Amino acid sequence: LLSGGWLPVALGLAILLVMLTWKTERSRLIRRLRDDQ
């Protein structure tokens, strides 16, 4: 981890944050425009 392994881990965590952000915020937006039969 300290000898360079932090780099792919950091890249992976950055992608993970992007995925969680998109999914969470998009779901929040859809709830904002929630179904109103």
Full PDB file with SEQRES, HELIX, SHEET, SSBOND, CRYST1, ORIGX, SCALE, CONECT and MASTER records, all heavy atoms in Angstrom:
SEQRES   1 A   37  LEU LEU SER GLY GLY TRP LEU PRO VAL ALA LEU GLY LEU          
SEQRES   2 A   37  ALA ILE LEU LEU VAL MET LEU THR TRP LYS THR GLU ARG          
SEQRES   3 A   37  SER ARG LEU ILE ARG ARG LEU ARG ASP ASP GLN                  
HELIX    1 AA1 TRP A    6  ARG A   32  1                                  27    
CRYST1    1.000    1.000    1.000  90.00  90.00  90.00 P 1           1          
ORIGX1      1.000000  0.000000  0.000000        0.00000                         
ORIGX2      0.000000  1.000000  0.000000        0.00000                         
ORIGX3      0.000000  0.000000  1.000000        0.00000                         
SCALE1      1.000000  0.000000  0.000000        0.00000                         
SCALE2      0.000000  1.000000  0.000000        0.00000                         
SCALE3      0.000000  0.000000  1.000000        0.00000                         
ATOM      1  N   LEU A   1       0.812  -1.209   0.000  1.00  0.00           N  
ATOM      2  CA  LEU A   1       0.000   0.000   0.000  1.00  0.00           C  
ATOM      3  C   LEU A   1       0.849   1.264   0.000  1.00  0.00           C  
ATOM      4  O   LEU A   1       0.596   2.202  -0.762  1.00  0.00           O  
ATOM      5  CB  LEU A   1      -0.934  -0.013   1.210  1.00  0.00           C  
ATOM      6  CG  LEU A   1      -2.144   0.924   1.151  1.00  0.00           C  
ATOM      7  CD1 LEU A   1      -3.037   0.603  -0.030  1.00  0.00           C  
ATOM      8  CD2 LEU A   1      -2.941   0.851   2.443  1.00  0.00           C  
ATOM      9  N   LEU A   2       1.893   1.294   0.831  1.00  0.00           N  
ATOM     10  CA  LEU A   2       2.712   2.503   0.949  1.00  0.00           C  
ATOM     11  C   LEU A   2       3.775   2.597  -0.135  1.00  0.00           C  
ATOM     12  O   LEU A   2       4.309   3.675  -0.388  1.00  0.00           O  
ATOM     13  CB  LEU A   2       3.374   2.550   2.331  1.00  0.00           C  
ATOM     14  CG  LEU A   2       2.402   2.641   3.518  1.00  0.00           C  
ATOM     15  CD1 LEU A   2       3.178   2.662   4.836  1.00  0.00           C  
ATOM     16  CD2 LEU A   2       1.527   3.887   3.409  1.00  0.00           C  
ATOM     17  N   SER A   3       4.101   1.464  -0.785  1.00  0.00           N  
ATOM     18  CA  SER A   3       5.163   1.490  -1.792  1.00  0.00           C  
ATOM     19  C   SER A   3       4.628   1.681  -3.202  1.00  0.00           C  
ATOM     20  O   SER A   3       5.312   1.392  -4.176  1.00  0.00           O  
ATOM     21  CB  SER A   3       5.979   0.186  -1.717  1.00  0.00           C  
ATOM     22  OG  SER A   3       5.145  -0.927  -1.983  1.00  0.00           O  
ATOM     23  N   GLY A   4       3.395   2.156  -3.321  1.00  0.00           N  
ATOM     24  CA  GLY A   4       2.814   2.421  -4.639  1.00  0.00           C  
ATOM     25  C   GLY A   4       1.440   1.825  -4.818  1.00  0.00           C  
ATOM     26  O   GLY A   4       0.703   2.212  -5.721  1.00  0.00           O  
ATOM     27  N   GLY A   5       1.087   0.868  -3.954  1.00  0.00           N  
ATOM     28  CA  GLY A   5      -0.217   0.240  -4.073  1.00  0.00           C  
ATOM     29  C   GLY A   5      -1.371   1.187  -3.818  1.00  0.00           C  
ATOM     30  O   GLY A   5      -2.516   0.915  -4.206  1.00  0.00           O  
ATOM     31  N   TRP A   6      -1.070   2.329  -3.187  1.00  0.00           N  
ATOM     32  CA  TRP A   6      -2.116   3.330  -2.911  1.00  0.00           C  
ATOM     33  C   TRP A   6      -2.687   3.891  -4.211  1.00  0.00           C  
ATOM     34  O   TRP A   6      -3.853   4.320  -4.243  1.00  0.00           O  
ATOM     35  CB  TRP A   6      -1.540   4.479  -2.082  1.00  0.00           C  
ATOM     36  CG  TRP A   6      -0.401   5.191  -2.757  1.00  0.00           C  
ATOM     37  CD1 TRP A   6       0.923   4.924  -2.668  1.00  0.00           C  
ATOM     38  CD2 TRP A   6      -0.520   6.281  -3.693  1.00  0.00           C  
ATOM     39  NE1 TRP A   6       1.658   5.757  -3.472  1.00  0.00           N  
ATOM     40  CE2 TRP A   6       0.794   6.615  -4.106  1.00  0.00           C  
ATOM     41  CE3 TRP A   6      -1.591   6.992  -4.215  1.00  0.00           C  
ATOM     42  CZ2 TRP A   6       1.050   7.630  -5.020  1.00  0.00           C  
ATOM     43  CZ3 TRP A   6      -1.337   8.008  -5.126  1.00  0.00           C  
ATOM     44  CH2 TRP A   6      -0.034   8.319  -5.506  1.00  0.00           C  
ATOM     45  N   LEU A   7      -1.892   3.892  -5.292  1.00  0.00           N  
ATOM     46  CA  LEU A   7      -2.355   4.531  -6.530  1.00  0.00           C  
ATOM     47  C   LEU A   7      -3.557   3.814  -7.143  1.00  0.00           C  
ATOM     48  O   LEU A   7      -4.610   4.440  -7.349  1.00  0.00           O  
ATOM     49  CB  LEU A   7      -1.200   4.624  -7.529  1.00  0.00           C  
ATOM     50  CG  LEU A   7      -1.576   5.212  -8.891  1.00  0.00           C  
ATOM     51  CD1 LEU A   7      -2.044   6.652  -8.746  1.00  0.00           C  
ATOM     52  CD2 LEU A   7      -0.420   5.136  -9.868  1.00  0.00           C  
ATOM     53  N   PRO A   8      -3.479   2.490  -7.456  1.00  0.00           N  
ATOM     54  CA  PRO A   8      -4.674   1.844  -8.012  1.00  0.00           C  
ATOM     55  C   PRO A   8      -5.839   1.823  -7.035  1.00  0.00           C  
ATOM     56  O   PRO A   8      -7.001   1.875  -7.457  1.00  0.00           O  
ATOM     57  CB  PRO A   8      -4.194   0.426  -8.344  1.00  0.00           C  
ATOM     58  CG  PRO A   8      -2.961   0.218  -7.538  1.00  0.00           C  
ATOM     59  CD  PRO A   8      -2.333   1.558  -7.397  1.00  0.00           C  
ATOM     60  N   VAL A   9      -5.520   1.747  -5.722  1.00  0.00           N  
ATOM     61  CA  VAL A   9      -6.601   1.787  -4.722  1.00  0.00           C  
ATOM     62  C   VAL A   9      -7.295   3.143  -4.759  1.00  0.00           C  
ATOM     63  O   VAL A   9      -8.528   3.232  -4.733  1.00  0.00           O  
ATOM     64  CB  VAL A   9      -6.052   1.494  -3.313  1.00  0.00           C  
ATOM     65  CG1 VAL A   9      -7.134   1.726  -2.260  1.00  0.00           C  
ATOM     66  CG2 VAL A   9      -5.549   0.059  -3.229  1.00  0.00           C  
ATOM     67  N   ALA A  10      -6.503   4.228  -4.836  1.00  0.00           N  
ATOM     68  CA  ALA A  10      -7.082   5.576  -4.896  1.00  0.00           C  
ATOM     69  C   ALA A  10      -7.917   5.757  -6.160  1.00  0.00           C  
ATOM     70  O   ALA A  10      -9.004   6.344  -6.126  1.00  0.00           O  
ATOM     71  CB  ALA A  10      -5.972   6.628  -4.838  1.00  0.00           C  
ATOM     72  N   LEU A  11      -7.409   5.254  -7.290  1.00  0.00           N  
ATOM     73  CA  LEU A  11      -8.167   5.341  -8.545  1.00  0.00           C  
ATOM     74  C   LEU A  11      -9.488   4.581  -8.427  1.00  0.00           C  
ATOM     75  O   LEU A  11     -10.539   5.053  -8.856  1.00  0.00           O  
ATOM     76  CB  LEU A  11      -7.343   4.777  -9.699  1.00  0.00           C  
ATOM     77  CG  LEU A  11      -6.154   5.619 -10.166  1.00  0.00           C  
ATOM     78  CD1 LEU A  11      -5.289   4.825 -11.135  1.00  0.00           C  
ATOM     79  CD2 LEU A  11      -6.640   6.908 -10.830  1.00  0.00           C  
ATOM     80  N   GLY A  12      -9.408   3.380  -7.830  1.00  0.00           N  
ATOM     81  CA  GLY A  12     -10.619   2.586  -7.653  1.00  0.00           C  
ATOM     82  C   GLY A  12     -11.632   3.269  -6.754  1.00  0.00           C  
ATOM     83  O   GLY A  12     -12.832   3.295  -7.050  1.00  0.00           O  
ATOM     84  N   LEU A  13     -11.154   3.857  -5.654  1.00  0.00           N  
ATOM     85  CA  LEU A  13     -12.064   4.544  -4.731  1.00  0.00           C  
ATOM     86  C   LEU A  13     -12.691   5.769  -5.389  1.00  0.00           C  
ATOM     87  O   LEU A  13     -13.849   6.097  -5.136  1.00  0.00           O  
ATOM     88  CB  LEU A  13     -11.315   4.944  -3.460  1.00  0.00           C  
ATOM     89  CG  LEU A  13     -10.901   3.781  -2.543  1.00  0.00           C  
ATOM     90  CD1 LEU A  13     -10.095   4.300  -1.351  1.00  0.00           C  
ATOM     91  CD2 LEU A  13     -12.126   3.001  -2.061  1.00  0.00           C  
ATOM     92  N   ALA A  14     -11.914   6.445  -6.258  1.00  0.00           N  
ATOM     93  CA  ALA A  14     -12.468   7.611  -6.970  1.00  0.00           C  
ATOM     94  C   ALA A  14     -13.609   7.173  -7.894  1.00  0.00           C  
ATOM     95  O   ALA A  14     -14.668   7.819  -7.936  1.00  0.00           O  
ATOM     96  CB  ALA A  14     -11.366   8.298  -7.779  1.00  0.00           C  
ATOM     97  N   ILE A  15     -13.416   6.065  -8.602  1.00  0.00           N  
ATOM     98  CA  ILE A  15     -14.475   5.543  -9.467  1.00  0.00           C  
ATOM     99  C   ILE A  15     -15.680   5.121  -8.630  1.00  0.00           C  
ATOM    100  O   ILE A  15     -16.835   5.356  -9.005  1.00  0.00           O  
ATOM    101  CB  ILE A  15     -13.960   4.346 -10.298  1.00  0.00           C  
ATOM    102  CG1 ILE A  15     -12.849   4.786 -11.256  1.00  0.00           C  
ATOM    103  CG2 ILE A  15     -15.100   3.706 -11.082  1.00  0.00           C  
ATOM    104  CD1 ILE A  15     -13.290   5.721 -12.346  1.00  0.00           C  
ATOM    105  N   LEU A  16     -15.411   4.498  -7.470  1.00  0.00           N  
ATOM    106  CA  LEU A  16     -16.503   4.078  -6.582  1.00  0.00           C  
ATOM    107  C   LEU A  16     -17.333   5.275  -6.138  1.00  0.00           C  
ATOM    108  O   LEU A  16     -18.572   5.225  -6.129  1.00  0.00           O  
ATOM    109  CB  LEU A  16     -15.931   3.344  -5.370  1.00  0.00           C  
ATOM    110  CG  LEU A  16     -16.948   2.904  -4.303  1.00  0.00           C  
ATOM    111  CD1 LEU A  16     -17.932   1.883  -4.881  1.00  0.00           C  
ATOM    112  CD2 LEU A  16     -16.232   2.333  -3.080  1.00  0.00           C  
ATOM    113  N   LEU A  17     -16.649   6.367  -5.770  1.00  0.00           N  
ATOM    114  CA  LEU A  17     -17.369   7.578  -5.344  1.00  0.00           C  
ATOM    115  C   LEU A  17     -18.211   8.149  -6.482  1.00  0.00           C  
ATOM    116  O   LEU A  17     -19.327   8.618  -6.265  1.00  0.00           O  
ATOM    117  CB  LEU A  17     -16.370   8.630  -4.835  1.00  0.00           C  
ATOM    118  CG  LEU A  17     -15.726   8.330  -3.481  1.00  0.00           C  
ATOM    119  CD1 LEU A  17     -14.657   9.368  -3.157  1.00  0.00           C  
ATOM    120  CD2 LEU A  17     -16.780   8.295  -2.376  1.00  0.00           C  
ATOM    121  N   VAL A  18     -17.676   8.104  -7.705  1.00  0.00           N  
ATOM    122  CA  VAL A  18     -18.442   8.577  -8.866  1.00  0.00           C  
ATOM    123  C   VAL A  18     -19.695   7.723  -9.049  1.00  0.00           C  
ATOM    124  O   VAL A  18     -20.796   8.240  -9.261  1.00  0.00           O  
ATOM    125  CB  VAL A  18     -17.571   8.557 -10.140  1.00  0.00           C  
ATOM    126  CG1 VAL A  18     -18.432   8.776 -11.383  1.00  0.00           C  
ATOM    127  CG2 VAL A  18     -16.489   9.632 -10.059  1.00  0.00           C  
ATOM    128  N   MET A  19     -19.538   6.396  -8.954  1.00  0.00           N  
ATOM    129  CA  MET A  19     -20.684   5.490  -9.120  1.00  0.00           C  
ATOM    130  C   MET A  19     -21.749   5.733  -8.051  1.00  0.00           C  
ATOM    131  O   MET A  19     -22.943   5.832  -8.361  1.00  0.00           O  
ATOM    132  CB  MET A  19     -20.211   4.029  -9.047  1.00  0.00           C  
ATOM    133  CG  MET A  19     -19.460   3.540 -10.266  1.00  0.00           C  
ATOM    134  SD  MET A  19     -19.051   1.780 -10.079  1.00  0.00           S  
ATOM    135  CE  MET A  19     -18.424   1.407 -11.716  1.00  0.00           C  
ATOM    136  N   LEU A  20     -21.309   5.829  -6.794  1.00  0.00           N  
ATOM    137  CA  LEU A  20     -22.270   6.030  -5.702  1.00  0.00           C  
ATOM    138  C   LEU A  20     -22.938   7.394  -5.806  1.00  0.00           C  
ATOM    139  O   LEU A  20     -24.133   7.536  -5.534  1.00  0.00           O  
ATOM    140  CB  LEU A  20     -21.552   5.893  -4.352  1.00  0.00           C  
ATOM    141  CG  LEU A  20     -21.066   4.473  -4.004  1.00  0.00           C  
ATOM    142  CD1 LEU A  20     -20.269   4.489  -2.708  1.00  0.00           C  
ATOM    143  CD2 LEU A  20     -22.242   3.504  -3.899  1.00  0.00           C  
ATOM    144  N   THR A  21     -22.163   8.408  -6.208  1.00  0.00           N  
ATOM    145  CA  THR A  21     -22.721   9.756  -6.358  1.00  0.00           C  
ATOM    146  C   THR A  21     -23.784   9.777  -7.442  1.00  0.00           C  
ATOM    147  O   THR A  21     -24.886  10.307  -7.251  1.00  0.00           O  
ATOM    148  CB  THR A  21     -21.601  10.762  -6.692  1.00  0.00           C  
ATOM    149  OG1 THR A  21     -20.705  10.845  -5.585  1.00  0.00           O  
ATOM    150  CG2 THR A  21     -22.179  12.148  -6.973  1.00  0.00           C  
ATOM    151  N   TRP A  22     -23.468   9.199  -8.604  1.00  0.00           N  
ATOM    152  CA  TRP A  22     -24.430   9.210  -9.713  1.00  0.00           C  
ATOM    153  C   TRP A  22     -25.704   8.466  -9.347  1.00  0.00           C  
ATOM    154  O   TRP A  22     -26.807   8.959  -9.567  1.00  0.00           O  
ATOM    155  CB  TRP A  22     -23.799   8.609 -10.963  1.00  0.00           C  
ATOM    156  CG  TRP A  22     -24.750   8.572 -12.120  1.00  0.00           C  
ATOM    157  CD1 TRP A  22     -25.456   7.511 -12.577  1.00  0.00           C  
ATOM    158  CD2 TRP A  22     -25.133   9.685 -12.947  1.00  0.00           C  
ATOM    159  NE1 TRP A  22     -26.243   7.866 -13.641  1.00  0.00           N  
ATOM    160  CE2 TRP A  22     -26.074   9.203 -13.892  1.00  0.00           C  
ATOM    161  CE3 TRP A  22     -24.764  11.030 -12.987  1.00  0.00           C  
ATOM    162  CZ2 TRP A  22     -26.640  10.023 -14.859  1.00  0.00           C  
ATOM    163  CZ3 TRP A  22     -25.330  11.845 -13.959  1.00  0.00           C  
ATOM    164  CH2 TRP A  22     -26.257  11.346 -14.870  1.00  0.00           C  
ATOM    165  N   LYS A  23     -25.545   7.279  -8.762  1.00  0.00           N  
ATOM    166  CA  LYS A  23     -26.706   6.470  -8.422  1.00  0.00           C  
ATOM    167  C   LYS A  23     -27.559   7.151  -7.352  1.00  0.00           C  
ATOM    168  O   LYS A  23     -28.788   7.244  -7.476  1.00  0.00           O  
ATOM    169  CB  LYS A  23     -26.249   5.094  -7.923  1.00  0.00           C  
ATOM    170  CG  LYS A  23     -27.396   4.115  -7.635  1.00  0.00           C  
ATOM    171  CD  LYS A  23     -28.079   3.680  -8.916  1.00  0.00           C  
ATOM    172  CE  LYS A  23     -29.090   2.583  -8.675  1.00  0.00           C  
ATOM    173  NZ  LYS A  23     -29.746   2.132  -9.916  1.00  0.00           N  
ATOM    174  N   THR A  24     -26.911   7.651  -6.295  1.00  0.00           N  
ATOM    175  CA  THR A  24     -27.638   8.247  -5.175  1.00  0.00           C  
ATOM    176  C   THR A  24     -28.344   9.528  -5.587  1.00  0.00           C  
ATOM    177  O   THR A  24     -29.535   9.726  -5.302  1.00  0.00           O  
ATOM    178  CB  THR A  24     -26.673   8.538  -4.009  1.00  0.00           C  
ATOM    179  OG1 THR A  24     -25.994   7.325  -3.662  1.00  0.00           O  
ATOM    180  CG2 THR A  24     -27.422   9.044  -2.789  1.00  0.00           C  
ATOM    181  N   GLU A  25     -27.623  10.419  -6.257  1.00  0.00           N  
ATOM    182  CA  GLU A  25     -28.196  11.707  -6.629  1.00  0.00           C  
ATOM    183  C   GLU A  25     -29.246  11.555  -7.724  1.00  0.00           C  
ATOM    184  O   GLU A  25     -30.240  12.277  -7.740  1.00  0.00           O  
ATOM    185  CB  GLU A  25     -27.091  12.674  -7.074  1.00  0.00           C  
ATOM    186  CG  GLU A  25     -26.173  13.114  -5.958  1.00  0.00           C  
ATOM    187  CD  GLU A  25     -26.893  13.936  -4.905  1.00  0.00           C  
ATOM    188  OE1 GLU A  25     -27.906  14.595  -5.217  1.00  0.00           O  
ATOM    189  OE2 GLU A  25     -26.460  13.915  -3.745  1.00  0.00           O  
ATOM    190  N   ARG A  26     -29.029  10.612  -8.618  1.00  0.00           N  
ATOM    191  CA  ARG A  26     -30.035  10.390  -9.664  1.00  0.00           C  
ATOM    192  C   ARG A  26     -31.325   9.840  -9.039  1.00  0.00           C  
ATOM    193  O   ARG A  26     -32.429  10.236  -9.418  1.00  0.00           O  
ATOM    194  CB  ARG A  26     -29.483   9.419 -10.710  1.00  0.00           C  
ATOM    195  CG  ARG A  26     -30.378   9.263 -11.935  1.00  0.00           C  
ATOM    196  CD  ARG A  26     -29.631   8.527 -13.037  1.00  0.00           C  
ATOM    197  NE  ARG A  26     -30.506   8.277 -14.177  1.00  0.00           N  
ATOM    198  CZ  ARG A  26     -31.257   7.197 -14.328  1.00  0.00           C  
ATOM    199  NH1 ARG A  26     -31.250   6.269 -13.396  1.00  0.00           N  
ATOM    200  NH2 ARG A  26     -32.014   7.040 -15.400  1.00  0.00           N  
ATOM    201  N   SER A  27     -31.184   8.937  -8.083  1.00  0.00           N  
ATOM    202  CA  SER A  27     -32.363   8.417  -7.383  1.00  0.00           C  
ATOM    203  C   SER A  27     -33.069   9.528  -6.620  1.00  0.00           C  
ATOM    204  O   SER A  27     -34.308   9.601  -6.583  1.00  0.00           O  
ATOM    205  CB  SER A  27     -31.958   7.303  -6.413  1.00  0.00           C  
ATOM    206  OG  SER A  27     -31.368   6.233  -7.099  1.00  0.00           O  
ATOM    207  N   ARG A  28     -32.280  10.427  -6.026  1.00  0.00           N  
ATOM    208  CA  ARG A  28     -32.846  11.563  -5.307  1.00  0.00           C  
ATOM    209  C   ARG A  28     -33.621  12.471  -6.257  1.00  0.00           C  
ATOM    210  O   ARG A  28     -34.715  12.946  -5.941  1.00  0.00           O  
ATOM    211  CB  ARG A  28     -31.708  12.337  -4.627  1.00  0.00           C  
ATOM    212  CG  ARG A  28     -32.145  13.544  -3.795  1.00  0.00           C  
ATOM    213  CD  ARG A  28     -30.918  14.337  -3.379  1.00  0.00           C  
ATOM    214  NE  ARG A  28     -31.292  15.490  -2.586  1.00  0.00           N  
ATOM    215  CZ  ARG A  28     -31.160  15.581  -1.267  1.00  0.00           C  
ATOM    216  NH1 ARG A  28     -30.681  14.551  -0.589  1.00  0.00           N  
ATOM    217  NH2 ARG A  28     -31.498  16.677  -0.623  1.00  0.00           N  
ATOM    218  N   LEU A  29     -33.051  12.682  -7.455  1.00  0.00           N  
ATOM    219  CA  LEU A  29     -33.714  13.531  -8.447  1.00  0.00           C  
ATOM    220  C   LEU A  29     -35.022  12.898  -8.916  1.00  0.00           C  
ATOM    221  O   LEU A  29     -36.050  13.576  -9.059  1.00  0.00           O  
ATOM    222  CB  LEU A  29     -32.779  13.754  -9.632  1.00  0.00           C  
ATOM    223  CG  LEU A  29     -33.311  14.610 -10.780  1.00  0.00           C  
ATOM    224  CD1 LEU A  29     -33.627  16.024 -10.300  1.00  0.00           C  
ATOM    225  CD2 LEU A  29     -32.306  14.653 -11.923  1.00  0.00           C  
ATOM    226  N   ILE A  30     -34.984  11.586  -9.134  1.00  0.00           N  
ATOM    227  CA  ILE A  30     -36.195  10.896  -9.585  1.00  0.00           C  
ATOM    228  C   ILE A  30     -37.272  10.947  -8.498  1.00  0.00           C  
ATOM    229  O   ILE A  30     -38.455  11.112  -8.786  1.00  0.00           O  
ATOM    230  CB  ILE A  30     -35.863   9.446  -9.989  1.00  0.00           C  
ATOM    231  CG1 ILE A  30     -35.042   9.456 -11.291  1.00  0.00           C  
ATOM    232  CG2 ILE A  30     -37.133   8.625 -10.179  1.00  0.00           C  
ATOM    233  CD1 ILE A  30     -34.529   8.110 -11.712  1.00  0.00           C  
ATOM    234  N   ARG A  31     -36.830  10.830  -7.233  1.00  0.00           N  
ATOM    235  CA  ARG A  31     -37.817  10.956  -6.139  1.00  0.00           C  
ATOM    236  C   ARG A  31     -38.397  12.366  -6.098  1.00  0.00           C  
ATOM    237  O   ARG A  31     -39.553  12.573  -5.779  1.00  0.00           O  
ATOM    238  CB  ARG A  31     -37.165  10.617  -4.794  1.00  0.00           C  
ATOM    239  CG  ARG A  31     -36.955   9.138  -4.573  1.00  0.00           C  
ATOM    240  CD  ARG A  31     -36.665   8.845  -3.112  1.00  0.00           C  
ATOM    241  NE  ARG A  31     -35.517   9.571  -2.594  1.00  0.00           N  
ATOM    242  CZ  ARG A  31     -34.277   9.123  -2.649  1.00  0.00           C  
ATOM    243  NH1 ARG A  31     -34.011   7.947  -3.214  1.00  0.00           N  
ATOM    244  NH2 ARG A  31     -33.287   9.837  -2.152  1.00  0.00           N  
ATOM    245  N   ARG A  32     -37.550  13.336  -6.436  1.00  0.00           N  
ATOM    246  CA  ARG A  32     -38.027  14.736  -6.483  1.00  0.00           C  
ATOM    247  C   ARG A  32     -39.103  14.882  -7.548  1.00  0.00           C  
ATOM    248  O   ARG A  32     -40.056  15.629  -7.402  1.00  0.00           O  
ATOM    249  CB  ARG A  32     -36.833  15.648  -6.796  1.00  0.00           C  
ATOM    250  CG  ARG A  32     -37.164  17.108  -7.023  1.00  0.00           C  
ATOM    251  CD  ARG A  32     -37.547  17.783  -5.725  1.00  0.00           C  
ATOM    252  NE  ARG A  32     -37.860  19.177  -5.948  1.00  0.00           N  
ATOM    253  CZ  ARG A  32     -39.010  19.632  -6.427  1.00  0.00           C  
ATOM    254  NH1 ARG A  32     -39.969  18.782  -6.734  1.00  0.00           N  
ATOM    255  NH2 ARG A  32     -39.216  20.925  -6.583  1.00  0.00           N  
ATOM    256  N   LEU A  33     -38.924  14.121  -8.653  1.00  0.00           N  
ATOM    257  CA  LEU A  33     -39.932  14.098  -9.711  1.00  0.00           C  
ATOM    258  C   LEU A  33     -40.732  12.802  -9.574  1.00  0.00           C  
ATOM    259  O   LEU A  33     -40.959  12.084 -10.539  1.00  0.00           O  
ATOM    260  CB  LEU A  33     -39.246  14.136 -11.091  1.00  0.00           C  
ATOM    261  CG  LEU A  33     -38.282  15.298 -11.321  1.00  0.00           C  
ATOM    262  CD1 LEU A  33     -37.494  15.079 -12.593  1.00  0.00           C  
ATOM    263  CD2 LEU A  33     -39.023  16.614 -11.359  1.00  0.00           C  
ATOM    264  N   ARG A  34     -41.117  12.498  -8.348  1.00  0.00           N  
ATOM    265  CA  ARG A  34     -41.671  11.186  -8.028  1.00  0.00           C  
ATOM    266  C   ARG A  34     -42.970  10.918  -8.801  1.00  0.00           C  
ATOM    267  O   ARG A  34     -43.639  11.824  -9.266  1.00  0.00           O  
ATOM    268  CB  ARG A  34     -41.942  11.071  -6.520  1.00  0.00           C  
ATOM    269  CG  ARG A  34     -42.992  12.032  -6.012  1.00  0.00           C  
ATOM    270  CD  ARG A  34     -43.073  11.987  -4.498  1.00  0.00           C  
ATOM    271  NE  ARG A  34     -44.088  12.915  -4.004  1.00  0.00           N  
ATOM    272  CZ  ARG A  34     -43.901  14.216  -3.855  1.00  0.00           C  
ATOM    273  NH1 ARG A  34     -42.737  14.748  -4.150  1.00  0.00           N  
ATOM    274  NH2 ARG A  34     -44.859  14.997  -3.400  1.00  0.00           N  
ATOM    275  N   ASP A  35     -43.292   9.621  -8.844  1.00  0.00           N  
ATOM    276  CA  ASP A  35     -44.553   9.210  -9.460  1.00  0.00           C  
ATOM    277  C   ASP A  35     -45.725   9.909  -8.775  1.00  0.00           C  
ATOM    278  O   ASP A  35     -45.795   9.961  -7.550  1.00  0.00           O  
ATOM    279  CB  ASP A  35     -44.738   7.695  -9.314  1.00  0.00           C  
ATOM    280  CG  ASP A  35     -43.798   6.935 -10.243  1.00  0.00           C  
ATOM    281  OD1 ASP A  35     -43.025   7.585 -10.938  1.00  0.00           O  
ATOM    282  OD2 ASP A  35     -43.868   5.690 -10.259  1.00  0.00           O  
ATOM    283  N   ASP A  36     -46.582  10.460  -9.577  1.00  0.00           N  
ATOM    284  CA  ASP A  36     -47.761  11.152  -9.034  1.00  0.00           C  
ATOM    285  C   ASP A  36     -48.952  10.750  -9.899  1.00  0.00           C  
ATOM    286  O   ASP A  36     -49.396  11.505 -10.764  1.00  0.00           O  
ATOM    287  CB  ASP A  36     -47.517  12.672  -9.061  1.00  0.00           C  
ATOM    288  CG  ASP A  36     -48.669  13.433  -8.405  1.00  0.00           C  
ATOM    289  OD1 ASP A  36     -49.596  12.780  -7.877  1.00  0.00           O  
ATOM    290  OD2 ASP A  36     -48.641  14.675  -8.434  1.00  0.00           O  
ATOM    291  N   GLN A  37     -49.436   9.522  -9.664  1.00  0.00           N  
ATOM    292  CA  GLN A  37     -50.511   8.982 -10.491  1.00  0.00           C  
ATOM    293  C   GLN A  37     -51.750   9.877 -10.455  1.00  0.00           C  
ATOM    294  O   GLN A  37     -52.374  10.160 -11.474  1.00  0.00           O  
ATOM    295  CB  GLN A  37     -50.875   7.571 -10.000  1.00  0.00           C  
ATOM    296  CG  GLN A  37     -52.015   6.924 -10.777  1.00  0.00           C  
ATOM    297  CD  GLN A  37     -51.609   6.549 -12.200  1.00  0.00           C  
ATOM    298  OE1 GLN A  37     -50.676   5.807 -12.398  1.00  0.00           O  
ATOM    299  NE2 GLN A  37     -52.309   7.090 -13.183  1.00  0.00           N  
TER     300      GLN A  37                                                      
MASTER        0    0    0    1    0    0    0    6  299    1    0    3          
END                                                                             
